[in-house]
Amino acid sequence: MKKSAQTDGPVIIKKYANRRLYNTETSSYITLDHLAAMTREGRDFKVVDAKSDEDITHNVLTQIIMEEEARGQTLLPVSFLRQLIALYGDSMQAMVPGYLEASMDSFRRNQEQFKSAVEGAFANSPFANTPFAEIAKRNMAMFEAAADAFKTRADAGAAAAPGATGEASKDDEIARLKAQLSALKDQVDKLG
């Protein structure tokens, strides 16, 4: 995730009883969409109840996820949601947050490595300084969007699967990414 160098600590967002959100950094009212954008930008923020000063960041982030899912931006498969709900009250419940966080960190690292590898492959191609390079970049962006959607669902399922090992899945993921990179490189070579 991108880190922000704009502030030393988290931006404080106050949530009032009328459900309005107030950004204390910009002295303006914002929406959940603004908070979603801040999250995507890597901005750290903390949402507090304006009256009690209670930290309600978790609730607000969950609300953002619910709204994204309701808009058709489904990221969480039904089977994953069922497994997640089943873990509430289970003896393993305390371990789930750390496991999910580690899984997402691993996914993020793999995603960045894949992106760097593909960009490097295109930079060394015979088309590096031609109009084909721009076409390749656009195609890569579309591929990344499709791959992100697929990988997120696959990783969510793997994260919920009992007995999944991080090391084996990481090796499998790297091997799969290398195979995809090789196939993409072959396609670029054929274009030449």
N, C-alpha and C. Protein backbone atom coordinates (compact mmCIF):
# COMPACT_ATOMS: atom_id res chain seq x y z
N MET A 1 0.84 -1.17 0.00
CA MET A 1 0.00 0.00 0.00
C MET A 1 0.88 1.23 0.00
N LYS A 2 0.46 2.27 -0.64
CA LYS A 2 1.23 3.50 -0.72
C LYS A 2 1.25 4.18 0.65
N LYS A 3 2.35 4.76 0.97
CA LYS A 3 2.47 5.49 2.23
C LYS A 3 2.41 6.98 1.93
N SER A 4 1.81 7.70 2.85
CA SER A 4 1.68 9.14 2.67
C SER A 4 2.71 9.85 3.53
N ALA A 5 3.36 10.82 2.94
CA ALA A 5 4.33 11.62 3.68
C ALA A 5 3.74 12.97 4.05
N GLN A 6 2.43 13.11 3.87
CA GLN A 6 1.81 14.42 4.07
C GLN A 6 1.60 14.75 5.54
N THR A 7 1.41 13.74 6.38
CA THR A 7 1.18 14.00 7.79
C THR A 7 1.98 13.01 8.62
N ASP A 8 2.23 13.40 9.89
CA ASP A 8 2.96 12.52 10.78
C ASP A 8 2.05 11.46 11.38
N GLY A 9 0.83 11.81 11.67
CA GLY A 9 -0.10 10.87 12.28
C GLY A 9 -1.34 10.73 11.43
N PRO A 10 -2.27 9.93 11.91
CA PRO A 10 -3.49 9.75 11.13
C PRO A 10 -4.34 11.01 11.11
N VAL A 11 -5.04 11.19 10.00
CA VAL A 11 -6.00 12.30 9.90
C VAL A 11 -7.19 11.93 10.77
N ILE A 12 -7.65 12.85 11.57
CA ILE A 12 -8.80 12.60 12.43
C ILE A 12 -10.07 13.00 11.69
N ILE A 13 -10.99 12.05 11.61
CA ILE A 13 -12.30 12.27 11.00
C ILE A 13 -13.32 12.15 12.12
N LYS A 14 -14.14 13.16 12.27
CA LYS A 14 -15.19 13.12 13.30
C LYS A 14 -16.51 12.76 12.66
N LYS A 15 -17.20 11.82 13.29
CA LYS A 15 -18.52 11.42 12.79
C LYS A 15 -19.56 11.94 13.78
N TYR A 16 -20.47 12.74 13.24
CA TYR A 16 -21.50 13.34 14.08
C TYR A 16 -22.76 12.49 14.09
N ALA A 17 -23.66 12.79 15.03
CA ALA A 17 -24.88 12.02 15.19
C ALA A 17 -25.73 12.03 13.93
N ASN A 18 -25.63 13.09 13.14
CA ASN A 18 -26.40 13.16 11.89
C ASN A 18 -25.71 12.40 10.75
N ARG A 19 -24.70 11.57 11.10
CA ARG A 19 -23.95 10.72 10.17
C ARG A 19 -22.99 11.48 9.28
N ARG A 20 -22.81 12.76 9.50
CA ARG A 20 -21.86 13.53 8.68
C ARG A 20 -20.46 13.29 9.19
N LEU A 21 -19.53 13.26 8.24
CA LEU A 21 -18.12 13.05 8.55
C LEU A 21 -17.37 14.36 8.33
N TYR A 22 -16.55 14.72 9.31
CA TYR A 22 -15.82 15.99 9.25
C TYR A 22 -14.32 15.71 9.29
N ASN A 23 -13.62 16.12 8.24
CA ASN A 23 -12.18 15.96 8.13
C ASN A 23 -11.52 17.13 8.86
N THR A 24 -10.84 16.83 9.96
CA THR A 24 -10.23 17.91 10.75
C THR A 24 -8.99 18.48 10.07
N GLU A 25 -8.39 17.74 9.13
CA GLU A 25 -7.21 18.23 8.42
C GLU A 25 -7.59 19.31 7.42
N THR A 26 -8.69 19.09 6.68
CA THR A 26 -9.11 20.05 5.65
C THR A 26 -10.23 20.96 6.12
N SER A 27 -10.73 20.73 7.34
CA SER A 27 -11.84 21.49 7.89
C SER A 27 -13.03 21.50 6.94
N SER A 28 -13.41 20.30 6.49
CA SER A 28 -14.54 20.19 5.57
C SER A 28 -15.27 18.87 5.82
N TYR A 29 -16.53 18.87 5.42
CA TYR A 29 -17.32 17.65 5.50
C TYR A 29 -17.00 16.77 4.30
N ILE A 30 -16.93 15.48 4.55
CA ILE A 30 -16.60 14.53 3.50
C ILE A 30 -17.60 13.39 3.50
N THR A 31 -17.46 12.50 2.53
CA THR A 31 -18.34 11.34 2.42
C THR A 31 -17.53 10.06 2.59
N LEU A 32 -18.24 8.95 2.62
CA LEU A 32 -17.56 7.66 2.67
C LEU A 32 -16.71 7.45 1.42
N ASP A 33 -17.16 7.99 0.28
CA ASP A 33 -16.37 7.88 -0.94
C ASP A 33 -15.01 8.57 -0.78
N HIS A 34 -15.00 9.71 -0.07
CA HIS A 34 -13.73 10.39 0.20
C HIS A 34 -12.81 9.51 1.05
N LEU A 35 -13.39 8.85 2.05
CA LEU A 35 -12.59 7.97 2.90
C LEU A 35 -12.06 6.77 2.10
N ALA A 36 -12.88 6.25 1.19
CA ALA A 36 -12.43 5.14 0.34
C ALA A 36 -11.26 5.60 -0.52
N ALA A 37 -11.35 6.82 -1.07
CA ALA A 37 -10.26 7.36 -1.89
C ALA A 37 -9.01 7.56 -1.04
N MET A 38 -9.16 8.05 0.18
CA MET A 38 -8.01 8.23 1.06
C MET A 38 -7.34 6.89 1.35
N THR A 39 -8.15 5.86 1.52
CA THR A 39 -7.62 4.53 1.78
C THR A 39 -6.81 4.04 0.59
N ARG A 40 -7.36 4.23 -0.61
CA ARG A 40 -6.66 3.80 -1.83
C ARG A 40 -5.35 4.56 -2.02
N GLU A 41 -5.30 5.80 -1.55
CA GLU A 41 -4.10 6.63 -1.66
C GLU A 41 -3.09 6.31 -0.56
N GLY A 42 -3.48 5.46 0.38
CA GLY A 42 -2.57 5.12 1.47
C GLY A 42 -2.58 6.10 2.62
N ARG A 43 -3.57 7.00 2.65
CA ARG A 43 -3.67 7.97 3.74
C ARG A 43 -4.16 7.26 4.99
N ASP A 44 -3.52 7.52 6.09
CA ASP A 44 -3.92 6.94 7.36
C ASP A 44 -4.92 7.88 8.02
N PHE A 45 -6.04 7.32 8.48
CA PHE A 45 -7.02 8.15 9.16
C PHE A 45 -7.65 7.36 10.30
N LYS A 46 -8.23 8.10 11.21
CA LYS A 46 -8.92 7.53 12.35
C LYS A 46 -10.28 8.22 12.44
N VAL A 47 -11.34 7.43 12.51
CA VAL A 47 -12.68 7.99 12.61
C VAL A 47 -13.11 7.88 14.07
N VAL A 48 -13.52 9.01 14.64
CA VAL A 48 -13.97 9.03 16.04
C VAL A 48 -15.38 9.59 16.11
N ASP A 49 -16.12 9.09 17.08
CA ASP A 49 -17.45 9.62 17.35
C ASP A 49 -17.26 11.02 17.93
N ALA A 50 -17.91 12.01 17.34
CA ALA A 50 -17.71 13.41 17.74
C ALA A 50 -18.12 13.66 19.19
N LYS A 51 -19.12 12.92 19.66
CA LYS A 51 -19.62 13.15 21.02
C LYS A 51 -18.79 12.41 22.07
N SER A 52 -18.53 11.12 21.84
CA SER A 52 -17.84 10.31 22.85
C SER A 52 -16.35 10.17 22.63
N ASP A 53 -15.86 10.56 21.46
CA ASP A 53 -14.45 10.42 21.07
C ASP A 53 -14.02 8.96 20.95
N GLU A 54 -15.00 8.06 20.83
CA GLU A 54 -14.72 6.63 20.66
C GLU A 54 -14.21 6.36 19.24
N ASP A 55 -13.22 5.49 19.13
CA ASP A 55 -12.66 5.12 17.82
C ASP A 55 -13.64 4.18 17.11
N ILE A 56 -14.19 4.64 15.99
CA ILE A 56 -15.16 3.85 15.23
C ILE A 56 -14.65 3.57 13.81
N THR A 57 -13.32 3.60 13.64
CA THR A 57 -12.71 3.39 12.33
C THR A 57 -13.14 2.04 11.74
N HIS A 58 -13.09 0.99 12.55
CA HIS A 58 -13.44 -0.35 12.08
C HIS A 58 -14.85 -0.38 11.50
N ASN A 59 -15.79 0.22 12.22
CA ASN A 59 -17.19 0.24 11.76
C ASN A 59 -17.33 0.99 10.43
N VAL A 60 -16.64 2.11 10.31
CA VAL A 60 -16.74 2.92 9.10
C VAL A 60 -16.10 2.20 7.91
N LEU A 61 -14.95 1.56 8.13
CA LEU A 61 -14.31 0.81 7.04
C LEU A 61 -15.20 -0.35 6.59
N THR A 62 -15.84 -1.01 7.54
CA THR A 62 -16.78 -2.08 7.20
C THR A 62 -17.94 -1.53 6.40
N GLN A 63 -18.42 -0.36 6.76
CA GLN A 63 -19.51 0.29 6.02
C GLN A 63 -19.08 0.60 4.58
N ILE A 64 -17.83 1.05 4.40
CA ILE A 64 -17.32 1.33 3.05
C ILE A 64 -17.32 0.05 2.22
N ILE A 65 -16.86 -1.05 2.82
CA ILE A 65 -16.84 -2.34 2.11
C ILE A 65 -18.26 -2.74 1.73
N MET A 66 -19.21 -2.57 2.64
CA MET A 66 -20.61 -2.93 2.35
C MET A 66 -21.15 -2.11 1.18
N GLU A 67 -20.82 -0.83 1.15
CA GLU A 67 -21.31 0.02 0.06
C GLU A 67 -20.66 -0.36 -1.27
N GLU A 68 -19.36 -0.67 -1.26
CA GLU A 68 -18.69 -1.10 -2.49
C GLU A 68 -19.31 -2.40 -3.00
N GLU A 69 -19.56 -3.32 -2.10
CA GLU A 69 -20.16 -4.60 -2.48
C GLU A 69 -21.58 -4.38 -3.03
N ALA A 70 -22.32 -3.46 -2.44
CA ALA A 70 -23.69 -3.18 -2.88
C ALA A 70 -23.71 -2.54 -4.27
N ARG A 71 -22.65 -1.83 -4.62
CA ARG A 71 -22.56 -1.18 -5.94
C ARG A 71 -22.21 -2.17 -7.04
N GLY A 72 -21.98 -3.40 -6.68
CA GLY A 72 -21.61 -4.38 -7.69
C GLY A 72 -20.12 -4.59 -7.78
N GLN A 73 -19.35 -3.95 -6.92
CA GLN A 73 -17.91 -4.12 -6.89
C GLN A 73 -17.58 -5.33 -6.00
N THR A 74 -18.20 -6.46 -6.29
CA THR A 74 -18.05 -7.61 -5.42
C THR A 74 -16.62 -8.12 -5.44
N LEU A 75 -16.04 -8.16 -4.28
CA LEU A 75 -14.67 -8.61 -4.09
C LEU A 75 -14.67 -9.85 -3.20
N LEU A 76 -15.68 -9.97 -2.39
CA LEU A 76 -15.74 -11.05 -1.42
C LEU A 76 -16.76 -12.11 -1.86
N PRO A 77 -16.28 -13.29 -2.25
CA PRO A 77 -17.21 -14.34 -2.68
C PRO A 77 -18.10 -14.80 -1.53
N VAL A 78 -19.27 -15.27 -1.86
CA VAL A 78 -20.24 -15.70 -0.85
C VAL A 78 -19.64 -16.80 0.03
N SER A 79 -18.91 -17.73 -0.55
CA SER A 79 -18.32 -18.81 0.24
C SER A 79 -17.35 -18.26 1.29
N PHE A 80 -16.57 -17.24 0.90
CA PHE A 80 -15.64 -16.62 1.84
C PHE A 80 -16.42 -15.94 2.97
N LEU A 81 -17.48 -15.21 2.62
CA LEU A 81 -18.28 -14.53 3.64
C LEU A 81 -18.90 -15.54 4.61
N ARG A 82 -19.40 -16.65 4.09
CA ARG A 82 -19.97 -17.69 4.96
C ARG A 82 -18.91 -18.24 5.91
N GLN A 83 -17.72 -18.52 5.38
CA GLN A 83 -16.65 -19.04 6.23
C GLN A 83 -16.24 -18.02 7.28
N LEU A 84 -16.19 -16.77 6.89
CA LEU A 84 -15.82 -15.71 7.82
C LEU A 84 -16.85 -15.60 8.94
N ILE A 85 -18.12 -15.60 8.59
CA ILE A 85 -19.19 -15.52 9.59
C ILE A 85 -19.12 -16.72 10.53
N ALA A 86 -18.84 -17.90 9.98
CA ALA A 86 -18.77 -19.11 10.81
C ALA A 86 -17.64 -19.02 11.84
N LEU A 87 -16.62 -18.23 11.57
CA LEU A 87 -15.49 -18.11 12.50
C LEU A 87 -15.80 -17.23 13.71
N TYR A 88 -16.85 -16.40 13.64
CA TYR A 88 -17.22 -15.58 14.80
C TYR A 88 -17.65 -16.51 15.92
N GLY A 89 -17.03 -16.34 17.09
CA GLY A 89 -17.35 -17.17 18.24
C GLY A 89 -16.58 -18.48 18.26
N ASP A 90 -15.87 -18.80 17.19
CA ASP A 90 -15.07 -20.02 17.12
C ASP A 90 -13.79 -19.82 17.93
N SER A 91 -13.19 -20.91 18.37
CA SER A 91 -11.96 -20.81 19.15
C SER A 91 -10.81 -20.21 18.34
N MET A 92 -10.90 -20.25 17.01
CA MET A 92 -9.84 -19.72 16.15
C MET A 92 -10.06 -18.25 15.81
N GLN A 93 -11.13 -17.65 16.28
CA GLN A 93 -11.47 -16.27 15.92
C GLN A 93 -10.33 -15.30 16.17
N ALA A 94 -9.61 -15.45 17.24
CA ALA A 94 -8.55 -14.50 17.57
C ALA A 94 -7.39 -14.55 16.57
N MET A 95 -7.22 -15.68 15.90
CA MET A 95 -6.12 -15.83 14.95
C MET A 95 -6.46 -15.29 13.56
N VAL A 96 -7.74 -15.18 13.24
CA VAL A 96 -8.17 -14.81 11.89
C VAL A 96 -7.68 -13.43 11.46
N PRO A 97 -7.82 -12.37 12.27
CA PRO A 97 -7.37 -11.05 11.80
C PRO A 97 -5.89 -11.03 11.40
N GLY A 98 -5.03 -11.62 12.20
CA GLY A 98 -3.61 -11.65 11.87
C GLY A 98 -3.33 -12.45 10.61
N TYR A 99 -4.03 -13.57 10.47
CA TYR A 99 -3.85 -14.40 9.27
C TYR A 99 -4.30 -13.66 8.02
N LEU A 100 -5.46 -13.02 8.09
CA LEU A 100 -5.95 -12.27 6.92
C LEU A 100 -5.03 -11.10 6.58
N GLU A 101 -4.53 -10.42 7.60
CA GLU A 101 -3.63 -9.30 7.36
C GLU A 101 -2.34 -9.78 6.70
N ALA A 102 -1.78 -10.88 7.18
CA ALA A 102 -0.56 -11.43 6.59
C ALA A 102 -0.80 -11.88 5.15
N SER A 103 -1.96 -12.47 4.91
CA SER A 103 -2.31 -12.91 3.55
C SER A 103 -2.41 -11.73 2.60
N MET A 104 -3.04 -10.66 3.05
CA MET A 104 -3.17 -9.47 2.20
C MET A 104 -1.80 -8.82 1.96
N ASP A 105 -0.93 -8.81 2.96
CA ASP A 105 0.41 -8.25 2.78
C ASP A 105 1.18 -9.07 1.75
N SER A 106 1.07 -10.38 1.83
CA SER A 106 1.74 -11.26 0.87
C SER A 106 1.19 -11.04 -0.53
N PHE A 107 -0.12 -10.91 -0.64
CA PHE A 107 -0.74 -10.65 -1.94
C PHE A 107 -0.22 -9.35 -2.52
N ARG A 108 -0.16 -8.32 -1.71
CA ARG A 108 0.31 -7.01 -2.16
C ARG A 108 1.75 -7.08 -2.67
N ARG A 109 2.61 -7.80 -1.93
CA ARG A 109 4.01 -7.96 -2.37
C ARG A 109 4.08 -8.71 -3.70
N ASN A 110 3.32 -9.79 -3.82
CA ASN A 110 3.30 -10.56 -5.07
C ASN A 110 2.81 -9.70 -6.22
N GLN A 111 1.81 -8.90 -5.99
CA GLN A 111 1.25 -8.02 -7.01
C GLN A 111 2.31 -7.03 -7.48
N GLU A 112 3.04 -6.44 -6.54
CA GLU A 112 4.08 -5.47 -6.90
C GLU A 112 5.22 -6.14 -7.65
N GLN A 113 5.61 -7.36 -7.25
CA GLN A 113 6.68 -8.08 -7.95
C GLN A 113 6.25 -8.41 -9.37
N PHE A 114 5.02 -8.85 -9.54
CA PHE A 114 4.51 -9.19 -10.86
C PHE A 114 4.50 -7.95 -11.76
N LYS A 115 4.01 -6.85 -11.22
CA LYS A 115 3.96 -5.61 -12.00
C LYS A 115 5.35 -5.17 -12.43
N SER A 116 6.31 -5.23 -11.51
CA SER A 116 7.69 -4.85 -11.84
C SER A 116 8.27 -5.77 -12.90
N ALA A 117 8.02 -7.07 -12.78
CA ALA A 117 8.55 -8.03 -13.75
C ALA A 117 7.99 -7.78 -15.14
N VAL A 118 6.70 -7.52 -15.22
CA VAL A 118 6.07 -7.28 -16.52
C VAL A 118 6.55 -5.97 -17.12
N GLU A 119 6.65 -4.94 -16.30
CA GLU A 119 7.15 -3.65 -16.80
C GLU A 119 8.58 -3.80 -17.30
N GLY A 120 9.39 -4.58 -16.60
CA GLY A 120 10.76 -4.82 -17.02
C GLY A 120 10.81 -5.57 -18.34
N ALA A 121 9.90 -6.51 -18.53
CA ALA A 121 9.87 -7.27 -19.77
C ALA A 121 9.53 -6.36 -20.94
N PHE A 122 8.61 -5.44 -20.74
CA PHE A 122 8.23 -4.52 -21.82
C PHE A 122 9.33 -3.50 -22.09
N ALA A 123 10.05 -3.10 -21.05
CA ALA A 123 11.11 -2.10 -21.23
C ALA A 123 12.25 -2.67 -22.08
N ASN A 124 12.47 -3.98 -22.00
CA ASN A 124 13.56 -4.60 -22.75
C ASN A 124 13.12 -5.17 -24.09
N SER A 125 11.89 -4.92 -24.47
CA SER A 125 11.39 -5.46 -25.74
C SER A 125 11.83 -4.57 -26.90
N PRO A 126 11.76 -5.10 -28.13
CA PRO A 126 12.14 -4.28 -29.28
C PRO A 126 11.18 -3.12 -29.52
N PHE A 127 10.07 -3.13 -28.83
CA PHE A 127 9.05 -2.09 -29.03
C PHE A 127 9.14 -0.98 -27.98
N ALA A 128 10.18 -0.96 -27.19
CA ALA A 128 10.26 -0.07 -26.04
C ALA A 128 9.99 1.40 -26.37
N ASN A 129 10.45 1.88 -27.51
CA ASN A 129 10.27 3.29 -27.83
C ASN A 129 9.44 3.48 -29.09
N THR A 130 8.39 2.71 -29.22
CA THR A 130 7.53 2.78 -30.40
C THR A 130 6.09 2.94 -29.97
N PRO A 131 5.20 3.20 -30.93
CA PRO A 131 3.77 3.26 -30.59
C PRO A 131 3.27 1.94 -30.00
N PHE A 132 3.95 0.85 -30.32
CA PHE A 132 3.53 -0.44 -29.76
C PHE A 132 3.70 -0.46 -28.24
N ALA A 133 4.66 0.29 -27.73
CA ALA A 133 4.89 0.33 -26.29
C ALA A 133 3.67 0.91 -25.58
N GLU A 134 3.08 1.94 -26.16
CA GLU A 134 1.88 2.54 -25.55
C GLU A 134 0.72 1.55 -25.58
N ILE A 135 0.58 0.84 -26.68
CA ILE A 135 -0.48 -0.18 -26.78
C ILE A 135 -0.22 -1.27 -25.73
N ALA A 136 1.03 -1.67 -25.60
CA ALA A 136 1.37 -2.70 -24.62
C ALA A 136 1.05 -2.23 -23.20
N LYS A 137 1.33 -0.95 -22.91
CA LYS A 137 1.03 -0.41 -21.57
C LYS A 137 -0.47 -0.42 -21.30
N ARG A 138 -1.27 -0.04 -22.31
CA ARG A 138 -2.73 -0.06 -22.13
C ARG A 138 -3.22 -1.48 -21.94
N ASN A 139 -2.69 -2.41 -22.75
CA ASN A 139 -3.08 -3.81 -22.60
C ASN A 139 -2.68 -4.33 -21.22
N MET A 140 -1.51 -3.92 -20.75
CA MET A 140 -1.04 -4.34 -19.44
C MET A 140 -1.97 -3.82 -18.34
N ALA A 141 -2.42 -2.59 -18.47
CA ALA A 141 -3.33 -2.02 -17.48
C ALA A 141 -4.63 -2.82 -17.44
N MET A 142 -5.14 -3.18 -18.62
CA MET A 142 -6.37 -3.99 -18.66
C MET A 142 -6.11 -5.37 -18.06
N PHE A 143 -4.95 -5.95 -18.37
CA PHE A 143 -4.60 -7.26 -17.83
C PHE A 143 -4.51 -7.19 -16.31
N GLU A 144 -3.86 -6.14 -15.78
CA GLU A 144 -3.73 -5.99 -14.34
C GLU A 144 -5.09 -5.90 -13.67
N ALA A 145 -6.00 -5.14 -14.27
CA ALA A 145 -7.33 -5.00 -13.68
C ALA A 145 -8.03 -6.36 -13.63
N ALA A 146 -7.93 -7.11 -14.72
CA ALA A 146 -8.56 -8.43 -14.74
C ALA A 146 -7.86 -9.38 -13.77
N ALA A 147 -6.54 -9.33 -13.74
CA ALA A 147 -5.78 -10.20 -12.85
C ALA A 147 -6.06 -9.87 -11.39
N ASP A 148 -6.17 -8.58 -11.08
CA ASP A 148 -6.47 -8.19 -9.71
C ASP A 148 -7.80 -8.77 -9.25
N ALA A 149 -8.80 -8.68 -10.10
CA ALA A 149 -10.12 -9.21 -9.74
C ALA A 149 -10.03 -10.72 -9.53
N PHE A 150 -9.33 -11.41 -10.42
CA PHE A 150 -9.22 -12.85 -10.30
C PHE A 150 -8.40 -13.25 -9.08
N LYS A 151 -7.23 -12.61 -8.90
CA LYS A 151 -6.34 -12.97 -7.80
C LYS A 151 -6.98 -12.70 -6.46
N THR A 152 -7.71 -11.59 -6.34
CA THR A 152 -8.32 -11.25 -5.06
C THR A 152 -9.32 -12.32 -4.66
N ARG A 153 -10.13 -12.77 -5.61
CA ARG A 153 -11.10 -13.82 -5.28
C ARG A 153 -10.39 -15.12 -4.97
N ALA A 154 -9.35 -15.45 -5.71
CA ALA A 154 -8.62 -16.69 -5.47
C ALA A 154 -7.91 -16.62 -4.12
N ASP A 155 -7.29 -15.48 -3.80
CA ASP A 155 -6.60 -15.34 -2.53
C ASP A 155 -7.57 -15.37 -1.37
N ALA A 156 -8.74 -14.77 -1.53
CA ALA A 156 -9.73 -14.77 -0.46
C ALA A 156 -10.17 -16.19 -0.18
N GLY A 157 -10.37 -16.97 -1.21
CA GLY A 157 -10.75 -18.38 -1.03
C GLY A 157 -9.63 -19.15 -0.39
N ALA A 158 -8.38 -18.90 -0.79
CA ALA A 158 -7.24 -19.61 -0.22
C ALA A 158 -7.05 -19.21 1.24
N ALA A 159 -7.29 -17.94 1.55
CA ALA A 159 -7.13 -17.48 2.92
C ALA A 159 -8.13 -18.14 3.84
N ALA A 160 -9.30 -18.45 3.31
CA ALA A 160 -10.33 -19.07 4.13
C ALA A 160 -10.20 -20.58 4.16
N ALA A 161 -9.40 -21.17 3.29
CA ALA A 161 -9.26 -22.62 3.23
C ALA A 161 -8.47 -23.11 4.43
N PRO A 162 -9.01 -24.13 5.14
CA PRO A 162 -8.29 -24.64 6.29
C PRO A 162 -7.03 -25.38 5.83
N GLY A 163 -5.96 -25.22 6.60
CA GLY A 163 -4.74 -25.95 6.31
C GLY A 163 -3.90 -25.33 5.21
N ALA A 164 -4.27 -24.15 4.71
CA ALA A 164 -3.48 -23.52 3.65
C ALA A 164 -2.17 -23.03 4.24
N THR A 165 -1.07 -23.31 3.55
CA THR A 165 0.22 -22.86 4.05
C THR A 165 0.68 -21.68 3.24
N GLY A 166 1.17 -20.67 3.93
CA GLY A 166 1.61 -19.45 3.25
C GLY A 166 2.78 -19.69 2.33
N GLU A 167 3.74 -20.54 2.76
CA GLU A 167 4.95 -20.75 1.97
C GLU A 167 4.66 -21.48 0.68
N ALA A 168 3.84 -22.55 0.73
CA ALA A 168 3.53 -23.31 -0.48
C ALA A 168 2.72 -22.47 -1.44
N SER A 169 1.74 -21.72 -0.92
CA SER A 169 0.92 -20.90 -1.80
C SER A 169 1.74 -19.77 -2.40
N LYS A 170 2.73 -19.27 -1.67
CA LYS A 170 3.58 -18.21 -2.19
C LYS A 170 4.42 -18.74 -3.35
N ASP A 171 4.99 -19.93 -3.17
CA ASP A 171 5.78 -20.55 -4.24
C ASP A 171 4.92 -20.85 -5.46
N ASP A 172 3.71 -21.35 -5.21
CA ASP A 172 2.79 -21.63 -6.32
C ASP A 172 2.43 -20.35 -7.05
N GLU A 173 2.20 -19.29 -6.28
CA GLU A 173 1.83 -18.01 -6.87
C GLU A 173 2.97 -17.45 -7.73
N ILE A 174 4.19 -17.55 -7.22
CA ILE A 174 5.35 -17.05 -7.97
C ILE A 174 5.52 -17.86 -9.25
N ALA A 175 5.36 -19.18 -9.16
CA ALA A 175 5.48 -20.02 -10.36
C ALA A 175 4.41 -19.67 -11.38
N ARG A 176 3.19 -19.43 -10.90
CA ARG A 176 2.10 -19.07 -11.80
C ARG A 176 2.36 -17.72 -12.46
N LEU A 177 2.86 -16.77 -11.68
CA LEU A 177 3.16 -15.45 -12.22
C LEU A 177 4.29 -15.51 -13.26
N LYS A 178 5.30 -16.35 -13.00
CA LYS A 178 6.39 -16.51 -13.97
C LYS A 178 5.86 -17.10 -15.27
N ALA A 179 4.96 -18.07 -15.16
CA ALA A 179 4.38 -18.68 -16.36
C ALA A 179 3.57 -17.64 -17.15
N GLN A 180 2.81 -16.82 -16.43
CA GLN A 180 2.03 -15.79 -17.11
C GLN A 180 2.95 -14.77 -17.76
N LEU A 181 4.02 -14.41 -17.08
CA LEU A 181 4.97 -13.46 -17.63
C LEU A 181 5.61 -14.02 -18.90
N SER A 182 5.97 -15.29 -18.86
CA SER A 182 6.56 -15.94 -20.03
C SER A 182 5.59 -15.94 -21.20
N ALA A 183 4.32 -16.23 -20.92
CA ALA A 183 3.31 -16.24 -21.98
C ALA A 183 3.13 -14.83 -22.57
N LEU A 184 3.14 -13.83 -21.71
CA LEU A 184 3.02 -12.45 -22.20
C LEU A 184 4.22 -12.06 -23.05
N LYS A 185 5.42 -12.46 -22.61
CA LYS A 185 6.63 -12.15 -23.36
C LYS A 185 6.59 -12.82 -24.75
N ASP A 186 6.09 -14.07 -24.77
CA ASP A 186 5.96 -14.77 -26.05
C ASP A 186 5.01 -14.02 -26.98
N GLN A 187 3.92 -13.51 -26.43
CA GLN A 187 2.96 -12.76 -27.25
C GLN A 187 3.59 -11.48 -27.80
N VAL A 188 4.37 -10.79 -26.97
CA VAL A 188 5.05 -9.57 -27.42
C VAL A 188 6.05 -9.91 -28.52
N ASP A 189 6.80 -11.00 -28.34
CA ASP A 189 7.77 -11.42 -29.34
C ASP A 189 7.09 -11.75 -30.67
N LYS A 190 5.92 -12.36 -30.61
CA LYS A 190 5.16 -12.69 -31.83
C LYS A 190 4.72 -11.43 -32.56
N LEU A 191 4.42 -10.38 -31.81
CA LEU A 191 4.01 -9.12 -32.43
C LEU A 191 5.16 -8.52 -33.25
N GLY A 192 6.39 -8.81 -32.83
CA GLY A 192 7.57 -8.27 -33.50
C GLY A 192 7.81 -9.01 -34.78
